[in-house]
N, C-alpha and C. Protein backbone atom coordinates (compact mmCIF):
# COMPACT_ATOMS: atom_id res chain seq x y z
N MET A 1 43.77 27.07 -41.51
CA MET A 1 44.47 26.03 -40.85
C MET A 1 44.15 24.65 -41.67
N ASN A 2 43.12 24.44 -41.86
CA ASN A 2 42.74 23.17 -42.46
C ASN A 2 43.18 23.00 -43.87
N SER A 3 43.30 24.11 -44.60
CA SER A 3 43.72 24.21 -45.77
C SER A 3 45.28 23.87 -45.95
N LEU A 4 45.96 24.32 -44.92
CA LEU A 4 47.40 24.13 -44.80
C LEU A 4 47.60 22.50 -44.47
N VAL A 5 46.89 21.98 -43.78
CA VAL A 5 46.94 20.52 -43.60
C VAL A 5 46.70 19.86 -44.67
N ILE A 6 45.73 20.19 -45.58
CA ILE A 6 45.33 19.52 -46.84
C ILE A 6 46.40 19.64 -47.59
N TYR A 7 47.02 20.92 -47.87
CA TYR A 7 48.10 21.12 -48.83
C TYR A 7 49.32 20.32 -48.58
N PHE A 8 49.64 20.48 -47.35
CA PHE A 8 51.13 19.96 -46.86
C PHE A 8 51.08 18.41 -46.38
N GLY A 9 49.83 18.17 -46.01
CA GLY A 9 49.78 16.79 -45.23
C GLY A 9 50.27 17.04 -44.02
N PHE A 10 50.20 15.89 -43.17
CA PHE A 10 50.87 15.83 -42.01
C PHE A 10 52.23 15.59 -41.94
N ILE A 11 53.10 16.50 -41.34
CA ILE A 11 54.66 16.26 -41.24
C ILE A 11 54.84 15.60 -39.92
N GLY A 12 55.50 14.33 -40.09
CA GLY A 12 55.60 13.61 -38.87
C GLY A 12 57.32 13.47 -38.69
N GLY A 13 57.75 12.53 -37.92
CA GLY A 13 58.99 12.52 -37.38
C GLY A 13 59.99 12.30 -38.67
N PRO A 14 59.51 11.13 -39.27
CA PRO A 14 60.48 10.58 -40.39
C PRO A 14 60.77 11.94 -41.58
N GLN A 15 59.54 12.55 -41.68
CA GLN A 15 59.63 13.78 -42.87
C GLN A 15 60.70 14.82 -42.28
N VAL A 16 60.53 14.94 -41.00
CA VAL A 16 61.46 16.06 -40.43
C VAL A 16 62.83 15.82 -40.53
N ILE A 17 63.27 14.44 -40.18
CA ILE A 17 64.60 13.88 -40.26
C ILE A 17 65.11 13.97 -41.64
N ILE A 18 64.28 13.51 -42.76
CA ILE A 18 64.67 13.71 -44.15
C ILE A 18 64.93 15.15 -44.46
N ILE A 19 64.17 16.15 -44.06
CA ILE A 19 64.42 17.44 -44.31
C ILE A 19 65.74 18.03 -43.82
N LEU A 20 65.92 17.67 -42.51
CA LEU A 20 67.18 18.00 -41.83
C LEU A 20 68.39 17.50 -42.48
N VAL A 21 68.15 16.22 -42.85
CA VAL A 21 69.42 15.58 -43.67
C VAL A 21 69.72 16.31 -45.17
N VAL A 22 68.64 16.68 -45.68
CA VAL A 22 68.71 17.34 -46.96
C VAL A 22 69.31 18.74 -46.63
N VAL A 23 68.92 19.40 -45.74
CA VAL A 23 69.58 20.85 -45.32
C VAL A 23 70.92 20.60 -45.08
N LEU A 24 71.25 19.67 -44.29
CA LEU A 24 72.76 19.43 -43.95
C LEU A 24 73.49 19.03 -45.18
N LEU A 25 73.01 18.42 -46.08
CA LEU A 25 73.83 17.92 -47.26
C LEU A 25 74.02 19.10 -48.17
N LEU A 26 72.92 19.99 -48.38
CA LEU A 26 72.88 21.22 -49.04
C LEU A 26 73.84 22.10 -48.60
N PHE A 27 73.97 22.60 -47.39
CA PHE A 27 74.56 23.61 -46.83
C PHE A 27 75.86 23.25 -46.08
N GLY A 28 75.84 22.19 -45.53
CA GLY A 28 77.12 21.79 -44.70
C GLY A 28 76.92 22.29 -43.41
N GLY A 29 77.90 21.49 -42.45
CA GLY A 29 77.74 21.83 -41.04
C GLY A 29 78.21 23.06 -40.76
N ARG A 30 79.17 23.81 -41.52
CA ARG A 30 79.56 25.08 -41.06
C ARG A 30 78.61 26.24 -41.40
N LYS A 31 77.86 26.16 -42.45
CA LYS A 31 77.02 27.15 -42.94
C LYS A 31 75.71 27.32 -42.10
N ILE A 32 75.26 26.14 -41.45
CA ILE A 32 73.93 26.11 -40.98
C ILE A 32 73.83 27.05 -39.69
N PRO A 33 74.98 27.24 -38.74
CA PRO A 33 74.74 28.25 -37.78
C PRO A 33 74.59 29.69 -38.15
N GLU A 34 75.33 29.82 -39.35
CA GLU A 34 75.22 31.40 -39.89
C GLU A 34 73.91 31.52 -40.54
N LEU A 35 73.31 30.37 -41.18
CA LEU A 35 71.87 30.72 -41.66
C LEU A 35 70.89 30.85 -40.69
N MET A 36 71.12 30.17 -39.45
CA MET A 36 70.09 30.36 -38.44
C MET A 36 70.28 31.73 -37.89
N LYS A 37 71.46 32.30 -37.63
CA LYS A 37 71.85 33.33 -37.14
C LYS A 37 71.11 34.53 -37.98
N GLY A 38 71.42 34.41 -39.17
CA GLY A 38 70.73 35.30 -40.14
C GLY A 38 69.09 35.32 -40.20
N LEU A 39 68.59 34.21 -40.01
CA LEU A 39 67.07 33.86 -39.78
C LEU A 39 66.57 34.50 -38.62
N GLY A 40 67.26 34.23 -37.42
CA GLY A 40 67.05 34.84 -36.22
C GLY A 40 66.89 36.34 -36.17
N SER A 41 68.05 36.91 -36.88
CA SER A 41 68.02 38.39 -36.89
C SER A 41 66.97 38.85 -37.83
N GLY A 42 66.66 38.25 -38.77
CA GLY A 42 65.56 38.83 -39.92
C GLY A 42 64.17 38.64 -39.08
N ILE A 43 63.86 37.69 -38.19
CA ILE A 43 62.85 37.46 -37.48
C ILE A 43 62.65 38.55 -36.40
N LYS A 44 63.78 39.03 -35.86
CA LYS A 44 63.79 39.97 -34.83
C LYS A 44 63.52 41.38 -35.51
N GLU A 45 64.23 41.55 -36.61
CA GLU A 45 63.71 42.86 -37.26
C GLU A 45 62.24 43.08 -37.67
N PHE A 46 61.69 41.94 -38.05
CA PHE A 46 60.25 41.93 -38.63
C PHE A 46 59.39 42.27 -37.22
N LYS A 47 59.87 41.63 -36.31
CA LYS A 47 59.02 41.80 -35.03
C LYS A 47 59.16 43.22 -34.70
N ASN A 48 60.44 43.89 -34.54
CA ASN A 48 60.43 45.32 -34.14
C ASN A 48 59.70 46.21 -35.09
N ALA A 49 59.81 45.88 -36.44
CA ALA A 49 59.00 46.74 -37.45
C ALA A 49 57.41 46.61 -37.23
N SER A 50 56.96 45.51 -36.98
CA SER A 50 55.63 45.32 -36.68
C SER A 50 55.23 46.14 -35.56
N LYS A 51 56.02 46.03 -34.43
CA LYS A 51 55.67 46.65 -33.14
C LYS A 51 55.64 48.17 -33.35
N GLU A 52 56.57 48.55 -34.14
CA GLU A 52 56.66 50.07 -34.39
C GLU A 52 55.53 50.61 -35.21
N GLU A 53 55.00 49.74 -36.13
CA GLU A 53 53.94 50.08 -36.85
C GLU A 53 52.65 50.11 -36.06
N GLU A 54 52.60 49.09 -35.00
CA GLU A 54 51.35 49.38 -34.17
C GLU A 54 51.45 50.40 -33.15
N ASP A 55 52.62 50.74 -32.73
CA ASP A 55 52.68 52.00 -31.98
C ASP A 55 52.34 53.19 -32.63
N SER A 56 52.74 53.25 -33.94
CA SER A 56 52.46 54.48 -34.81
C SER A 56 50.92 54.49 -34.97
N GLU A 57 50.26 53.37 -35.14
CA GLU A 57 48.83 53.45 -35.46
C GLU A 57 48.26 53.79 -34.10
N ASP A 58 48.66 53.42 -33.01
CA ASP A 58 47.99 53.73 -31.86
C ASP A 58 48.22 55.21 -31.64
N LYS A 59 49.31 55.89 -31.92
CA LYS A 59 49.43 57.31 -31.68
C LYS A 59 48.42 58.09 -32.74
N ILE A 60 48.25 57.54 -33.70
CA ILE A 60 47.20 58.28 -34.81
C ILE A 60 45.86 58.18 -34.22
N GLU A 61 45.65 56.87 -33.68
CA GLU A 61 44.10 56.73 -33.09
C GLU A 61 43.93 57.61 -32.03
N ASP A 62 44.83 57.80 -31.05
CA ASP A 62 44.70 58.57 -29.98
C ASP A 62 44.60 60.09 -30.24
N LYS A 63 45.14 60.59 -31.34
CA LYS A 63 45.11 61.83 -31.75
C LYS A 63 43.67 62.17 -32.34
N LYS A 64 42.90 61.35 -32.68
CA LYS A 64 41.45 61.47 -33.12
C LYS A 64 40.74 61.46 -32.15
């Protein structure tokens, strides 16, 4: 965690606002909801895949 703080520094309010403005300028207001929907579905798929992997590992350990 400390290495991340050193690498990125502290991100405060003004930096977040600048990042949001840049994203808005790059993608436009209409694309942002589509991007967030895609990001959300990707995170959901990742969580499901990791949960399935844990379940399969538990089944293998139970057989031993």
